[in-house]
Amino acid sequence: MAAKKSAKNNSGPEPAIEDSLQELQDIVSSLESGQPSLKESLEQFERGMALLKGCHEQLEQAAQRIEIVTRVDQQGNLITDTFDVEATFGSDRDKSLF
């Protein structure tokens, strides 16, 4: 299984978030079944944490690209501002999740 793990970690571009979420679900199901050995469980857990980190990074990148439509000018053109996650969540929210 270690070869499979390293092949996934070294295989070019980051997987789509949907693929990562599906793989995370598969890992959770496997771990919940109690079938893998301790070594395999630890490898799956580490892989799951890496996938979760990648998902958070992709979501953070997406949030940085979001623009908010603030108004429409007289010619019908959209006027936008950059999305500010801090303004949305406030200073008391744990932004490390995003």
N, C-alpha and C. Protein backbone atom coordinates (compact mmCIF):
# COMPACT_ATOMS: atom_id res chain seq x y z
N MET A 1 0.82 -1.20 0.00
CA MET A 1 0.00 0.00 0.00
C MET A 1 0.86 1.26 0.00
N ALA A 2 2.05 1.20 0.55
CA ALA A 2 2.92 2.38 0.59
C ALA A 2 3.23 2.86 -0.81
N ALA A 3 3.42 1.94 -1.75
CA ALA A 3 3.71 2.35 -3.13
C ALA A 3 2.52 3.09 -3.71
N LYS A 4 1.32 2.62 -3.40
CA LYS A 4 0.11 3.29 -3.89
C LYS A 4 0.02 4.70 -3.31
N LYS A 5 0.33 4.83 -2.02
CA LYS A 5 0.29 6.13 -1.36
C LYS A 5 1.27 7.11 -1.99
N SER A 6 2.50 6.68 -2.17
CA SER A 6 3.50 7.59 -2.72
C SER A 6 3.21 7.92 -4.17
N ALA A 7 2.63 6.99 -4.89
CA ALA A 7 2.27 7.27 -6.29
C ALA A 7 1.21 8.36 -6.35
N LYS A 8 0.25 8.34 -5.43
CA LYS A 8 -0.79 9.36 -5.41
C LYS A 8 -0.22 10.71 -5.03
N ASN A 9 0.72 10.74 -4.09
CA ASN A 9 1.28 12.00 -3.64
C ASN A 9 2.20 12.63 -4.67
N ASN A 10 2.77 11.85 -5.57
CA ASN A 10 3.71 12.38 -6.54
C ASN A 10 3.14 12.47 -7.93
N SER A 11 1.85 12.33 -8.09
CA SER A 11 1.26 12.24 -9.41
C SER A 11 0.73 13.58 -9.91
N GLY A 12 1.62 14.44 -10.35
CA GLY A 12 1.25 15.65 -11.05
C GLY A 12 0.33 16.58 -10.30
N PRO A 13 -0.68 17.13 -11.02
CA PRO A 13 -1.54 18.15 -10.44
C PRO A 13 -2.42 17.60 -9.32
N GLU A 14 -2.84 18.51 -8.48
CA GLU A 14 -3.71 18.17 -7.37
C GLU A 14 -5.04 17.63 -7.90
N PRO A 15 -5.58 16.58 -7.26
CA PRO A 15 -6.85 16.03 -7.75
C PRO A 15 -8.00 17.02 -7.52
N ALA A 16 -9.04 16.87 -8.32
CA ALA A 16 -10.22 17.71 -8.15
C ALA A 16 -10.79 17.48 -6.76
N ILE A 17 -11.40 18.51 -6.22
CA ILE A 17 -11.92 18.41 -4.85
C ILE A 17 -12.97 17.29 -4.74
N GLU A 18 -13.74 17.08 -5.80
CA GLU A 18 -14.74 16.00 -5.77
C GLU A 18 -14.06 14.64 -5.66
N ASP A 19 -12.96 14.46 -6.37
CA ASP A 19 -12.21 13.20 -6.30
C ASP A 19 -11.61 13.01 -4.91
N SER A 20 -11.09 14.09 -4.35
CA SER A 20 -10.52 14.02 -3.01
C SER A 20 -11.58 13.66 -1.98
N LEU A 21 -12.74 14.27 -2.09
CA LEU A 21 -13.82 13.98 -1.15
C LEU A 21 -14.29 12.53 -1.27
N GLN A 22 -14.35 12.01 -2.50
CA GLN A 22 -14.73 10.61 -2.68
C GLN A 22 -13.69 9.69 -2.06
N GLU A 23 -12.42 10.00 -2.27
CA GLU A 23 -11.37 9.17 -1.68
C GLU A 23 -11.41 9.26 -0.15
N LEU A 24 -11.69 10.44 0.38
CA LEU A 24 -11.83 10.58 1.83
C LEU A 24 -12.98 9.71 2.35
N GLN A 25 -14.09 9.70 1.63
CA GLN A 25 -15.22 8.87 2.04
C GLN A 25 -14.84 7.39 2.02
N ASP A 26 -14.10 6.97 1.00
CA ASP A 26 -13.64 5.59 0.91
C ASP A 26 -12.72 5.24 2.09
N ILE A 27 -11.84 6.17 2.45
CA ILE A 27 -10.93 5.95 3.58
C ILE A 27 -11.72 5.81 4.88
N VAL A 28 -12.67 6.71 5.09
CA VAL A 28 -13.49 6.66 6.30
C VAL A 28 -14.24 5.33 6.38
N SER A 29 -14.83 4.91 5.28
CA SER A 29 -15.56 3.63 5.26
C SER A 29 -14.63 2.47 5.60
N SER A 30 -13.43 2.49 5.03
CA SER A 30 -12.46 1.44 5.28
C SER A 30 -12.06 1.41 6.75
N LEU A 31 -11.77 2.59 7.31
CA LEU A 31 -11.36 2.66 8.71
C LEU A 31 -12.50 2.24 9.64
N GLU A 32 -13.71 2.66 9.30
CA GLU A 32 -14.87 2.29 10.13
C GLU A 32 -15.14 0.79 10.10
N SER A 33 -14.77 0.13 9.01
CA SER A 33 -15.01 -1.31 8.90
C SER A 33 -14.12 -2.11 9.83
N GLY A 34 -12.99 -1.52 10.23
CA GLY A 34 -12.07 -2.21 11.12
C GLY A 34 -11.23 -3.27 10.43
N GLN A 35 -11.27 -3.35 9.11
CA GLN A 35 -10.57 -4.38 8.36
C GLN A 35 -9.07 -4.12 8.20
N PRO A 36 -8.63 -2.89 7.97
CA PRO A 36 -7.20 -2.70 7.73
C PRO A 36 -6.37 -2.97 8.98
N SER A 37 -5.14 -3.37 8.76
CA SER A 37 -4.21 -3.55 9.88
C SER A 37 -3.89 -2.17 10.45
N LEU A 38 -3.21 -2.17 11.58
CA LEU A 38 -2.83 -0.91 12.21
C LEU A 38 -1.97 -0.08 11.26
N LYS A 39 -1.00 -0.73 10.62
CA LYS A 39 -0.12 -0.02 9.69
C LYS A 39 -0.92 0.58 8.54
N GLU A 40 -1.82 -0.21 7.95
CA GLU A 40 -2.64 0.28 6.85
C GLU A 40 -3.56 1.40 7.31
N SER A 41 -4.10 1.27 8.53
CA SER A 41 -4.97 2.31 9.07
C SER A 41 -4.22 3.63 9.22
N LEU A 42 -3.00 3.56 9.73
CA LEU A 42 -2.19 4.78 9.87
C LEU A 42 -1.89 5.40 8.52
N GLU A 43 -1.57 4.57 7.52
CA GLU A 43 -1.31 5.08 6.18
C GLU A 43 -2.55 5.74 5.59
N GLN A 44 -3.70 5.10 5.79
CA GLN A 44 -4.95 5.67 5.29
C GLN A 44 -5.27 6.98 6.00
N PHE A 45 -5.03 7.01 7.31
CA PHE A 45 -5.27 8.23 8.07
C PHE A 45 -4.39 9.37 7.55
N GLU A 46 -3.11 9.08 7.35
CA GLU A 46 -2.19 10.10 6.83
C GLU A 46 -2.62 10.57 5.45
N ARG A 47 -3.03 9.65 4.60
CA ARG A 47 -3.51 10.01 3.27
C ARG A 47 -4.75 10.90 3.38
N GLY A 48 -5.65 10.53 4.28
CA GLY A 48 -6.86 11.32 4.49
C GLY A 48 -6.56 12.73 4.95
N MET A 49 -5.58 12.87 5.85
CA MET A 49 -5.21 14.20 6.33
C MET A 49 -4.61 15.03 5.19
N ALA A 50 -3.81 14.40 4.33
CA ALA A 50 -3.23 15.10 3.18
C ALA A 50 -4.33 15.54 2.22
N LEU A 51 -5.31 14.67 1.99
CA LEU A 51 -6.44 15.02 1.12
C LEU A 51 -7.24 16.18 1.70
N LEU A 52 -7.47 16.12 3.01
CA LEU A 52 -8.22 17.18 3.68
C LEU A 52 -7.50 18.51 3.57
N LYS A 53 -6.18 18.49 3.75
CA LYS A 53 -5.39 19.71 3.61
C LYS A 53 -5.51 20.26 2.19
N GLY A 54 -5.43 19.38 1.20
CA GLY A 54 -5.58 19.81 -0.19
C GLY A 54 -6.94 20.42 -0.46
N CYS A 55 -7.99 19.83 0.11
CA CYS A 55 -9.34 20.37 -0.06
C CYS A 55 -9.43 21.78 0.53
N HIS A 56 -8.89 21.94 1.74
CA HIS A 56 -8.91 23.27 2.38
C HIS A 56 -8.16 24.29 1.54
N GLU A 57 -7.02 23.89 0.98
CA GLU A 57 -6.23 24.80 0.15
C GLU A 57 -7.01 25.19 -1.11
N GLN A 58 -7.68 24.22 -1.73
CA GLN A 58 -8.46 24.53 -2.92
C GLN A 58 -9.62 25.46 -2.60
N LEU A 59 -10.28 25.23 -1.47
CA LEU A 59 -11.39 26.10 -1.07
C LEU A 59 -10.89 27.50 -0.76
N GLU A 60 -9.73 27.62 -0.13
CA GLU A 60 -9.17 28.93 0.16
C GLU A 60 -8.83 29.67 -1.13
N GLN A 61 -8.25 28.96 -2.08
CA GLN A 61 -7.94 29.58 -3.37
C GLN A 61 -9.21 30.03 -4.07
N ALA A 62 -10.24 29.22 -4.01
CA ALA A 62 -11.51 29.60 -4.65
C ALA A 62 -12.10 30.83 -3.98
N ALA A 63 -12.05 30.89 -2.66
CA ALA A 63 -12.59 32.05 -1.95
C ALA A 63 -11.85 33.32 -2.32
N GLN A 64 -10.56 33.21 -2.58
CA GLN A 64 -9.77 34.38 -2.96
C GLN A 64 -10.12 34.87 -4.35
N ARG A 65 -10.71 34.02 -5.17
CA ARG A 65 -11.06 34.39 -6.54
C ARG A 65 -12.48 34.90 -6.68
N ILE A 66 -13.28 34.74 -5.65
CA ILE A 66 -14.68 35.13 -5.73
C ILE A 66 -14.80 36.65 -5.73
N GLU A 67 -15.61 37.14 -6.60
CA GLU A 67 -15.92 38.56 -6.63
C GLU A 67 -17.40 38.73 -6.30
N ILE A 68 -17.69 39.78 -5.61
CA ILE A 68 -19.07 40.06 -5.21
C ILE A 68 -19.61 41.17 -6.11
N VAL A 69 -20.78 40.94 -6.66
CA VAL A 69 -21.43 41.98 -7.47
C VAL A 69 -21.99 43.00 -6.48
N THR A 70 -21.50 44.24 -6.60
CA THR A 70 -21.93 45.28 -5.66
C THR A 70 -23.03 46.16 -6.23
N ARG A 71 -23.03 46.31 -7.56
CA ARG A 71 -24.08 47.11 -8.19
C ARG A 71 -23.99 46.96 -9.71
N VAL A 72 -24.94 47.52 -10.39
CA VAL A 72 -24.96 47.54 -11.85
C VAL A 72 -24.93 49.01 -12.27
N ASP A 73 -24.02 49.37 -13.19
CA ASP A 73 -23.94 50.76 -13.63
C ASP A 73 -25.07 51.08 -14.62
N GLN A 74 -25.12 52.31 -15.09
CA GLN A 74 -26.20 52.77 -15.98
C GLN A 74 -26.21 52.04 -17.31
N GLN A 75 -25.07 51.51 -17.75
CA GLN A 75 -25.00 50.77 -19.01
C GLN A 75 -25.30 49.28 -18.81
N GLY A 76 -25.59 48.86 -17.59
CA GLY A 76 -25.90 47.46 -17.32
C GLY A 76 -24.69 46.60 -17.02
N ASN A 77 -23.52 47.24 -16.86
CA ASN A 77 -22.31 46.48 -16.52
C ASN A 77 -22.25 46.19 -15.03
N LEU A 78 -21.80 45.00 -14.69
CA LEU A 78 -21.67 44.63 -13.29
C LEU A 78 -20.44 45.28 -12.68
N ILE A 79 -20.61 45.83 -11.50
CA ILE A 79 -19.52 46.41 -10.73
C ILE A 79 -19.25 45.43 -9.59
N THR A 80 -18.00 44.99 -9.49
CA THR A 80 -17.66 43.96 -8.50
C THR A 80 -16.55 44.42 -7.56
N ASP A 81 -16.50 43.78 -6.41
CA ASP A 81 -15.41 43.93 -5.45
C ASP A 81 -14.89 42.54 -5.13
N THR A 82 -13.65 42.48 -4.68
CA THR A 82 -13.07 41.20 -4.28
C THR A 82 -13.72 40.71 -3.00
N PHE A 83 -13.97 39.42 -2.92
CA PHE A 83 -14.54 38.80 -1.74
C PHE A 83 -13.55 38.91 -0.58
N ASP A 84 -14.01 39.35 0.57
CA ASP A 84 -13.18 39.48 1.76
C ASP A 84 -13.70 38.53 2.82
N VAL A 85 -13.03 37.40 2.99
CA VAL A 85 -13.48 36.38 3.93
C VAL A 85 -13.49 36.91 5.36
N GLU A 86 -12.57 37.79 5.71
CA GLU A 86 -12.55 38.34 7.06
C GLU A 86 -13.76 39.21 7.33
N ALA A 87 -14.20 39.94 6.36
CA ALA A 87 -15.38 40.78 6.53
C ALA A 87 -16.63 39.91 6.69
N THR A 88 -16.64 38.78 6.01
CA THR A 88 -17.79 37.89 6.07
C THR A 88 -17.89 37.16 7.40
N PHE A 89 -16.76 36.63 7.88
CA PHE A 89 -16.77 35.82 9.08
C PHE A 89 -16.49 36.59 10.35
N GLY A 90 -15.96 37.77 10.26
CA GLY A 90 -15.65 38.55 11.44
C GLY A 90 -14.34 38.12 12.06
N SER A 91 -13.87 38.89 13.00
CA SER A 91 -12.56 38.64 13.59
C SER A 91 -12.57 37.53 14.62
N ASP A 92 -13.73 37.14 15.17
CA ASP A 92 -13.76 36.12 16.21
C ASP A 92 -13.87 34.70 15.66
N ARG A 93 -14.02 34.53 14.39
CA ARG A 93 -14.14 33.19 13.79
C ARG A 93 -12.76 32.63 13.48
N ASP A 94 -12.59 31.33 13.62
CA ASP A 94 -11.31 30.69 13.32
C ASP A 94 -11.12 30.62 11.82
N LYS A 95 -10.32 31.51 11.27
CA LYS A 95 -10.09 31.57 9.82
C LYS A 95 -9.13 30.50 9.35
N SER A 96 -8.49 29.77 10.27
CA SER A 96 -7.56 28.72 9.85
C SER A 96 -8.29 27.60 9.12
N LEU A 97 -9.59 27.51 9.26
CA LEU A 97 -10.38 26.50 8.55
C LEU A 97 -10.52 26.84 7.08
N PHE A 98 -10.27 28.08 6.72
CA PHE A 98 -10.46 28.52 5.35
C PHE A 98 -9.16 28.98 4.83
